[in-house]
Amino acid sequence: QKPRKSTPQTGEDTLNGHLPPGWQSYMSPQGRRYYVNTFTNETTWERPSSVPGTPKSPPANSPSVLTVNGYHISGTPVHQLDSGHISLRKASGDPQSPGSPAAPRRQSKESSLTINCVTFPHPDVMPEQQLLKPSEWSYCDYFWADKKDSQGNNTVSGFEILLQKQLKGKQMQKEMAEFVRERIKIEEEYAKNLSKLSQNSLAAQEEGTLGEAWAQLKKSLADEAEVHLKFSSKLQSEVEKPLLNFRENFKKDMKKCDHHIADLRKHLASRYAAVEKARKALTERQKDLEMKTQQLEVKLSNKTEEEIKKARRKSTQAGDDLMRCVDLYNQAQSKWFEEMVTTTLELERLEVERVEMIRQHLCQYTQLRHETDMFNQSTVELVDQLLRKVDPAKDRELWVKEHKTGDIRPVDMEI
């Protein structure tokens, strides 16, 4: 049995006259008034004039839908949601699981799209956004989206790319410390060999000014060995050790940042999953309500009307649950956004600190190297002075005076 059009009563023509164009009122067998849009076949218990967004002209090829609790059966809200809610609209029946790295889904009204549980404005309607730190190429401005890895197989988040850079920097710092350690070993071995060579007895019997210069040259090797030992010791205490200590502290800071953002991203994904679950539940409740309403139109009974009331309550509850989940999602995304800005700026600070620290200690290395060269130069300066004083005639004089056997020359024998 189809619903009959209500018989006009006193004042009813005037009442219908205030309805939007295309709307007619009908009376159910139980005496309850409902309204039908003759253009779209949309049915509602609420008087259309009290429902914002009621169509005033027949949309082309519009399907028959039922409006309940401010939502169409398709899941599209009749009322205009705020921007945070619009960003989460999803067509009902979408089989894509929440959080999966799928291609962006176009949202209703083309206002936003969702990528890996994060909502972004749609490029076609995106308002102009100002950079947080203009002209600085800051981390906090350029790593919000995800991208394919170098193999093109998996998706990597912008924050993970930042972490990879920081981890690479940490590895480079470790390798620099290993390089300095090898340099220290070379210096220690070199000093050891110089000291050993300085004690060698070769040419120890050389005499005179040349012998004095030779002895000083051997002594300079011992002095140079001492200089290189000091150089290696300072390299260890002033370059290698600070590099390693900074790396350990840097590693702790990195772990703290990594875990914190990862936890927030997981929380955001769980909130998004809750939104999708609530949206699915709302769609199911609306379908159930539509089915029961259709049953009421076919067979009118008190039992069916009670079932409709029950279904309407469940649909209303499902709609409220959806809005609550959307609010929680938006709160989680706002928290993630704030922490992303804070953490990326912290990573930026750590990177600047790391580079500056390495630069300072490499400058210390070159300074120590210059000092070592100067000390080495000072050890051979005395050798140079003595070599310039080498005088074969003087050496001969000294040697003759020490080793002479007599200055009376032989003469001829007389007969």
Protein backbone atom coordinates (compact mmCIF):
# COMPACT_ATOMS: atom_id res chain seq x y z
CA GLN A 1 0.00 0.00 0.00
CA LYS A 2 1.44 3.33 -1.06
CA PRO A 3 1.28 6.34 1.23
CA ARG A 4 -1.68 8.50 0.49
CA LYS A 5 -1.53 12.20 0.05
CA SER A 6 -2.95 13.96 3.06
CA THR A 7 -6.37 15.45 2.70
CA PRO A 8 -6.15 19.22 2.93
CA GLN A 9 -7.31 20.47 6.29
CA THR A 10 -7.85 23.92 7.66
CA GLY A 11 -4.75 25.97 7.09
CA GLU A 12 -2.94 23.13 5.32
CA ASP A 13 -2.93 24.81 1.92
CA THR A 14 -1.31 27.78 3.57
CA LEU A 15 1.15 25.40 5.26
CA ASN A 16 2.07 23.77 1.95
CA GLY A 17 2.37 27.19 0.43
CA HIS A 18 5.30 27.89 2.77
CA LEU A 19 7.13 24.72 1.73
CA PRO A 20 10.09 25.10 -0.64
CA PRO A 21 9.30 24.51 -4.33
CA GLY A 22 8.80 20.83 -5.16
CA TRP A 23 7.92 19.71 -1.62
CA GLN A 24 4.57 18.14 -0.67
CA SER A 25 3.32 16.91 2.69
CA TYR A 26 1.74 13.47 3.26
CA MET A 27 0.14 11.77 6.23
CA SER A 28 1.10 8.27 7.34
CA PRO A 29 -1.68 5.85 8.41
CA GLN A 30 -0.63 6.47 12.01
CA GLY A 31 -1.33 10.16 11.55
CA ARG A 32 2.27 11.36 11.38
CA ARG A 33 3.13 13.92 8.73
CA TYR A 34 6.14 13.46 6.46
CA TYR A 35 7.43 15.36 3.43
CA VAL A 36 8.44 14.32 -0.10
CA ASN A 37 10.43 16.27 -2.68
CA THR A 38 8.66 15.59 -5.97
CA PHE A 39 11.83 16.45 -7.90
CA THR A 40 14.24 14.12 -6.11
CA ASN A 41 11.89 11.73 -4.24
CA GLU A 42 13.78 12.67 -1.08
CA THR A 43 11.74 11.80 2.03
CA THR A 44 12.02 13.26 5.52
CA TRP A 45 9.98 13.50 8.71
CA GLU A 46 11.29 17.02 9.29
CA ARG A 47 9.61 20.01 7.70
CA PRO A 48 11.91 21.04 4.78
CA SER A 49 11.86 24.72 5.68
CA SER A 50 13.75 23.84 8.86
CA VAL A 51 16.44 21.84 7.07
CA PRO A 52 19.30 23.99 5.70
CA GLY A 53 20.55 22.98 2.30
CA THR A 54 17.14 21.87 0.91
CA PRO A 55 17.29 21.98 -2.89
CA LYS A 56 15.16 24.74 -4.39
CA SER A 57 15.36 23.40 -7.93
CA PRO A 58 15.49 19.85 -9.26
CA PRO A 59 19.12 18.69 -9.69
CA ALA A 60 19.77 16.75 -12.88
CA ASN A 61 19.69 12.95 -12.59
CA SER A 62 19.52 13.09 -8.79
CA PRO A 63 18.94 9.66 -7.18
CA SER A 64 16.32 8.97 -4.58
CA VAL A 65 17.87 9.49 -1.13
CA LEU A 66 16.59 9.73 2.41
CA THR A 67 17.76 12.46 4.75
CA VAL A 68 18.29 11.37 8.36
CA ASN A 69 20.07 13.24 11.13
CA GLY A 70 21.52 15.71 8.65
CA TYR A 71 23.02 13.02 6.39
CA HIS A 72 21.91 11.53 3.08
CA ILE A 73 21.89 7.76 2.73
CA SER A 74 25.03 8.03 0.61
CA GLY A 75 26.86 9.42 3.63
CA THR A 76 27.11 12.98 2.29
CA PRO A 77 26.14 15.56 4.93
CA VAL A 78 23.28 17.91 4.14
CA HIS A 79 24.71 20.55 6.48
CA GLN A 80 27.97 22.27 5.65
CA LEU A 81 30.69 20.86 7.91
CA ASP A 82 33.64 22.89 9.09
CA SER A 83 36.89 22.56 7.18
CA GLY A 84 38.34 20.00 9.58
CA HIS A 85 35.39 17.69 9.03
CA ILE A 86 35.20 18.23 5.29
CA SER A 87 38.79 17.11 5.02
CA LEU A 88 37.75 13.67 6.20
CA ARG A 89 34.83 12.99 3.87
CA LYS A 90 35.00 9.62 2.20
CA ALA A 91 32.58 7.92 -0.15
CA SER A 92 30.75 5.08 1.59
CA GLY A 93 31.69 1.59 0.55
CA ASP A 94 35.29 2.50 -0.21
CA PRO A 95 37.17 -0.78 0.25
CA GLN A 96 40.49 0.93 0.89
CA SER A 97 41.69 0.14 4.39
CA PRO A 98 42.66 3.11 6.59
CA GLY A 99 46.33 3.89 6.78
CA SER A 100 47.35 1.88 3.72
CA PRO A 101 49.81 3.63 1.38
CA ALA A 102 47.32 4.07 -1.41
CA ALA A 103 46.90 6.80 -3.97
CA PRO A 104 45.17 9.93 -2.66
CA ARG A 105 41.40 9.70 -2.42
CA ARG A 106 39.39 12.61 -3.74
CA GLN A 107 37.12 13.91 -1.01
CA SER A 108 33.56 15.13 -1.35
CA LYS A 109 33.31 18.69 -2.63
CA GLU A 110 36.94 18.29 -3.79
CA SER A 111 38.09 20.23 -0.73
CA SER A 112 40.78 17.87 0.53
CA LEU A 113 42.46 14.53 0.12
CA THR A 114 43.84 12.00 2.57
CA ILE A 115 47.25 10.35 2.17
CA ASN A 116 48.36 7.75 4.69
CA CYS A 117 45.91 9.06 7.30
CA VAL A 118 47.02 12.70 6.90
CA THR A 119 44.56 15.21 5.44
CA PHE A 120 45.80 17.79 2.91
CA PRO A 121 43.94 20.52 1.00
CA HIS A 122 43.05 19.53 -2.54
CA PRO A 123 45.44 21.15 -5.06
CA ASP A 124 42.53 22.59 -7.08
CA VAL A 125 41.07 24.49 -4.13
CA MET A 126 44.12 24.83 -1.90
CA PRO A 127 44.39 28.26 -0.30
CA GLU A 128 47.74 30.00 -0.48
CA GLN A 129 49.96 28.88 2.38
CA GLN A 130 52.81 30.93 3.80
CA LEU A 131 56.05 29.16 4.69
CA LEU A 132 56.73 28.94 8.41
CA LYS A 133 60.32 30.12 7.87
CA PRO A 134 60.47 31.90 4.50
CA SER A 135 63.80 32.10 2.65
CA GLU A 136 65.51 29.62 5.02
CA TRP A 137 64.76 26.28 3.35
CA SER A 138 63.83 25.01 6.77
CA TYR A 139 63.02 21.37 7.53
CA CYS A 140 59.67 22.43 9.02
CA ASP A 141 58.38 23.64 5.62
CA TYR A 142 59.27 20.94 3.12
CA PHE A 143 58.73 17.47 4.62
CA TRP A 144 54.99 17.09 5.24
CA ALA A 145 54.14 14.67 2.44
CA ASP A 146 55.39 11.15 1.71
CA LYS A 147 57.42 10.05 -1.30
CA LYS A 148 58.61 6.88 -2.99
CA ASP A 149 61.94 5.44 -1.92
CA SER A 150 64.90 5.26 -4.31
CA GLN A 151 63.70 1.87 -5.64
CA GLY A 152 60.18 3.19 -6.12
CA ASN A 153 58.66 0.27 -4.22
CA ASN A 154 57.77 1.66 -0.80
CA THR A 155 56.51 4.95 0.57
CA VAL A 156 58.72 6.94 2.93
CA SER A 157 57.38 9.76 5.10
CA GLY A 158 58.99 13.18 5.03
CA PHE A 159 60.02 12.79 8.67
CA GLU A 160 61.71 9.46 7.90
CA ILE A 161 63.72 11.19 5.17
CA LEU A 162 64.89 13.74 7.74
CA LEU A 163 65.79 10.94 10.13
CA GLN A 164 67.76 9.17 7.40
CA LYS A 165 69.78 12.32 6.83
CA GLN A 166 70.47 12.66 10.54
CA LEU A 167 71.47 8.99 10.78
CA LYS A 168 73.77 9.44 7.80
CA GLY A 169 75.33 12.43 9.54
CA LYS A 170 75.82 10.33 12.66
CA GLN A 171 77.52 7.63 10.57
CA MET A 172 79.76 10.21 8.89
CA GLN A 173 80.77 11.50 12.30
CA LYS A 174 81.63 7.97 13.41
CA GLU A 175 83.79 7.46 10.32
CA MET A 176 85.55 10.78 10.94
CA ALA A 177 86.36 9.64 14.47
CA GLU A 178 87.72 6.36 13.05
CA PHE A 179 89.85 8.35 10.60
CA VAL A 180 91.31 10.41 13.44
CA ARG A 181 91.95 7.19 15.39
CA GLU A 182 93.97 5.82 12.45
CA ARG A 183 95.90 9.10 12.30
CA ILE A 184 96.68 8.76 16.01
CA LYS A 185 97.97 5.22 15.45
CA ILE A 186 100.22 6.44 12.66
CA GLU A 187 101.57 9.22 14.86
CA GLU A 188 102.21 6.84 17.75
CA GLU A 189 103.95 4.33 15.52
CA TYR A 190 105.95 7.08 13.85
CA ALA A 191 107.04 8.48 17.23
CA LYS A 192 108.05 5.02 18.38
CA ASN A 193 110.18 4.45 15.28
CA LEU A 194 111.77 7.90 15.53
CA SER A 195 112.72 7.29 19.16
CA LYS A 196 114.20 3.92 18.28
CA LEU A 197 116.17 5.37 15.39
CA SER A 198 117.55 8.19 17.54
CA GLN A 199 119.22 5.57 19.73
CA ASN A 200 120.93 3.87 16.81
CA SER A 201 124.74 3.79 17.13
CA LEU A 202 125.50 4.15 13.44
CA ALA A 203 128.16 6.78 12.72
CA ALA A 204 128.51 7.43 16.44
CA GLN A 205 132.28 7.75 16.12
CA GLU A 206 132.14 10.74 13.80
CA GLU A 207 134.22 13.57 15.30
CA GLY A 208 134.65 17.30 15.04
CA THR A 209 132.04 19.81 13.99
CA LEU A 210 130.50 17.24 11.64
CA GLY A 211 130.27 14.73 14.48
CA GLU A 212 128.60 17.37 16.66
CA ALA A 213 126.04 18.11 13.91
CA TRP A 214 125.43 14.38 13.41
CA ALA A 215 124.83 13.84 17.13
CA GLN A 216 122.40 16.78 17.18
CA LEU A 217 120.53 15.34 14.20
CA LYS A 218 120.05 12.05 16.04
CA LYS A 219 118.90 13.93 19.14
CA SER A 220 116.41 15.89 17.02
CA LEU A 221 114.77 12.58 16.12
CA ALA A 222 114.11 11.92 19.79
CA ASP A 223 112.71 15.46 20.17
CA GLU A 224 110.54 14.97 17.10
CA ALA A 225 109.28 11.67 18.48
CA GLU A 226 108.20 13.49 21.64
CA VAL A 227 106.42 16.13 19.56
CA HIS A 228 104.47 13.48 17.64
CA LEU A 229 103.52 11.69 20.85
CA LYS A 230 102.10 14.93 22.19
CA PHE A 231 100.34 15.50 18.87
CA SER A 232 98.70 12.05 19.01
CA SER A 233 97.68 12.59 22.63
CA LYS A 234 96.04 15.93 21.82
CA LEU A 235 94.33 14.42 18.78
CA GLN A 236 92.78 11.84 21.05
CA SER A 237 91.65 14.23 23.79
CA GLU A 238 90.73 17.28 21.70
CA VAL A 239 89.39 15.75 18.47
CA GLU A 240 88.56 12.03 18.62
CA LYS A 241 86.99 11.92 22.08
CA PRO A 242 84.72 14.98 21.55
CA LEU A 243 83.55 13.52 18.24
CA LEU A 244 82.59 10.25 19.90
CA ASN A 245 80.93 11.92 22.90
CA PHE A 246 78.88 14.23 20.70
CA ARG A 247 77.83 11.27 18.57
CA GLU A 248 76.46 9.42 21.61
CA ASN A 249 74.46 12.45 22.76
CA PHE A 250 73.28 13.02 19.20
CA LYS A 251 72.16 9.38 19.04
CA LYS A 252 70.07 9.77 22.22
CA ASP A 253 68.40 12.94 20.91
CA MET A 254 67.62 11.20 17.63
CA LYS A 255 65.97 8.24 19.35
CA LYS A 256 63.84 10.57 21.45
CA CYS A 257 62.64 12.47 18.38
CA ASP A 258 62.09 9.31 16.36
CA HIS A 259 59.99 7.51 18.99
CA HIS A 260 57.94 10.59 19.83
CA ILE A 261 56.88 11.33 16.26
CA ALA A 262 56.35 7.64 15.49
CA ASP A 263 53.97 7.34 18.45
CA LEU A 264 52.02 10.42 17.34
CA ARG A 265 51.75 9.07 13.79
CA LYS A 266 50.44 5.74 15.12
CA HIS A 267 47.93 7.59 17.26
CA LEU A 268 46.82 9.59 14.23
CA ALA A 269 46.39 6.38 12.22
CA SER A 270 44.26 4.84 14.98
CA ARG A 271 42.05 7.95 15.09
CA TYR A 272 41.64 7.81 11.34
CA ALA A 273 40.68 4.13 11.55
CA ALA A 274 38.06 5.06 14.16
CA VAL A 275 36.64 7.71 11.81
CA GLU A 276 36.36 5.21 8.97
CA LYS A 277 34.73 2.67 11.27
CA ALA A 278 32.22 5.24 12.50
CA ARG A 279 31.52 6.37 8.94
CA LYS A 280 30.83 2.77 7.91
CA ALA A 281 28.55 2.27 10.90
CA LEU A 282 26.61 5.43 10.02
CA THR A 283 26.14 4.24 6.44
CA GLU A 284 24.84 0.89 7.66
CA ARG A 285 22.41 2.58 10.07
CA GLN A 286 21.16 4.87 7.34
CA LYS A 287 20.61 1.94 4.99
CA ASP A 288 18.75 0.11 7.74
CA LEU A 289 16.58 3.17 8.34
CA GLU A 290 15.88 3.53 4.62
CA MET A 291 14.88 -0.12 4.39
CA LYS A 292 12.51 0.16 7.33
CA THR A 293 11.03 3.36 5.92
CA GLN A 294 10.37 1.58 2.65
CA GLN A 295 8.74 -1.25 4.59
CA LEU A 296 6.49 1.32 6.25
CA GLU A 297 5.39 2.54 2.83
CA VAL A 298 4.56 -1.03 1.76
CA LYS A 299 2.90 -2.35 4.90
CA LEU A 300 1.82 0.10 7.51
CA SER A 301 1.94 -1.17 11.09
CA ASN A 302 2.74 0.06 14.56
CA LYS A 303 5.59 -2.44 14.78
CA THR A 304 7.25 -1.06 11.65
CA GLU A 305 6.96 2.50 12.93
CA GLU A 306 8.58 1.48 16.23
CA GLU A 307 11.40 -0.14 14.28
CA ILE A 308 11.82 3.11 12.33
CA LYS A 309 12.08 5.07 15.57
CA LYS A 310 14.67 2.63 16.86
CA ALA A 311 16.61 2.77 13.59
CA ARG A 312 16.48 6.58 13.66
CA ARG A 313 17.92 6.63 17.17
CA LYS A 314 20.73 4.32 16.10
CA SER A 315 21.39 6.45 13.04
CA THR A 316 21.50 9.58 15.18
CA GLN A 317 23.91 7.88 17.57
CA ALA A 318 26.07 6.73 14.67
CA GLY A 319 26.18 10.29 13.33
CA ASP A 320 27.18 11.61 16.75
CA ASP A 321 29.87 8.93 17.01
CA LEU A 322 31.23 9.93 13.62
CA MET A 323 31.47 13.59 14.56
CA ARG A 324 33.16 12.67 17.84
CA CYS A 325 35.70 10.51 15.99
CA VAL A 326 36.31 13.30 13.49
CA ASP A 327 36.96 15.74 16.34
CA LEU A 328 39.40 13.30 17.97
CA TYR A 329 41.14 12.78 14.63
CA ASN A 330 41.49 16.52 14.10
CA GLN A 331 42.92 16.89 17.60
CA ALA A 332 45.43 14.10 16.91
CA GLN A 333 46.43 15.64 13.59
CA SER A 334 46.85 19.06 15.20
CA LYS A 335 49.06 17.53 17.88
CA TRP A 336 51.10 15.70 15.24
CA PHE A 337 51.42 18.92 13.22
CA GLU A 338 52.65 20.91 16.23
CA GLU A 339 55.14 18.23 17.23
CA MET A 340 56.34 17.85 13.64
CA VAL A 341 57.16 21.57 13.52
CA THR A 342 58.87 21.45 16.91
CA THR A 343 60.79 18.25 16.16
CA THR A 344 61.92 19.19 12.66
CA LEU A 345 63.23 22.48 14.02
CA GLU A 346 65.03 20.51 16.73
CA LEU A 347 66.54 18.21 14.07
CA GLU A 348 67.58 21.30 12.17
CA ARG A 349 69.27 22.67 15.29
CA LEU A 350 71.02 19.35 15.93
CA GLU A 351 72.31 19.24 12.36
CA VAL A 352 73.69 22.77 12.60
CA GLU A 353 75.27 21.90 15.95
CA ARG A 354 76.78 18.70 14.53
CA VAL A 355 78.30 20.42 11.49
CA GLU A 356 79.62 23.31 13.57
CA MET A 357 81.11 20.95 16.16
CA ILE A 358 82.90 18.91 13.48
CA ARG A 359 84.16 22.07 11.81
CA GLN A 360 85.60 23.36 15.08
CA HIS A 361 87.38 20.10 15.86
CA LEU A 362 88.78 19.76 12.36
CA CYS A 363 90.10 23.29 12.78
CA GLN A 364 91.65 22.09 16.02
CA TYR A 365 93.24 19.23 14.10
CA THR A 366 94.83 21.60 11.58
CA GLN A 367 95.99 23.87 14.40
CA LEU A 368 97.67 20.95 16.16
CA ARG A 369 99.21 19.94 12.88
CA HIS A 370 100.66 23.43 12.40
CA GLU A 371 102.02 23.37 15.94
CA THR A 372 103.58 19.98 15.33
CA ASP A 373 105.23 21.26 12.19
CA MET A 374 106.57 24.26 14.08
CA PHE A 375 107.95 22.06 16.85
CA ASN A 376 109.51 19.77 14.27
CA GLN A 377 111.04 22.78 12.60
CA SER A 378 112.47 23.95 15.90
CA THR A 379 114.10 20.57 16.48
CA VAL A 380 116.03 20.79 13.22
CA GLU A 381 116.93 24.46 13.48
CA LEU A 382 119.85 23.66 15.78
CA VAL A 383 120.95 20.95 13.37
CA ASP A 384 120.88 23.51 10.56
CA GLN A 385 122.99 25.91 12.61
CA LEU A 386 125.56 23.25 13.37
CA LEU A 387 125.67 22.09 9.76
CA ARG A 388 126.42 25.65 8.67
CA LYS A 389 129.35 25.67 11.12
CA VAL A 390 130.89 22.48 9.82
CA ASP A 391 134.53 23.37 8.93
CA PRO A 392 136.81 20.64 7.62
CA ALA A 393 139.90 22.72 8.48
CA LYS A 394 138.74 23.23 12.03
CA ASP A 395 137.91 19.56 12.35
CA ARG A 396 141.38 18.70 11.07
CA GLU A 397 142.98 21.07 13.59
CA LEU A 398 141.09 19.58 16.48
CA TRP A 399 141.78 16.08 15.38
CA VAL A 400 145.48 16.71 14.85
CA LYS A 401 145.85 18.35 18.24
CA GLU A 402 144.24 15.38 19.88
CA HIS A 403 145.99 12.67 17.97
CA LYS A 404 149.35 14.17 16.92
CA THR A 405 152.47 12.07 17.51
CA GLY A 406 155.11 14.71 16.97
CA ASP A 407 155.83 17.74 14.86
CA ILE A 408 159.60 17.16 14.24
CA ARG A 409 160.08 15.97 10.74
CA PRO A 410 162.78 13.47 9.83
CA VAL A 411 166.09 14.71 8.22
CA ASP A 412 168.78 13.17 6.07
CA MET A 413 171.40 11.00 7.73
CA GLU A 414 174.87 12.50 7.87
CA ILE A 415 178.15 10.52 7.25
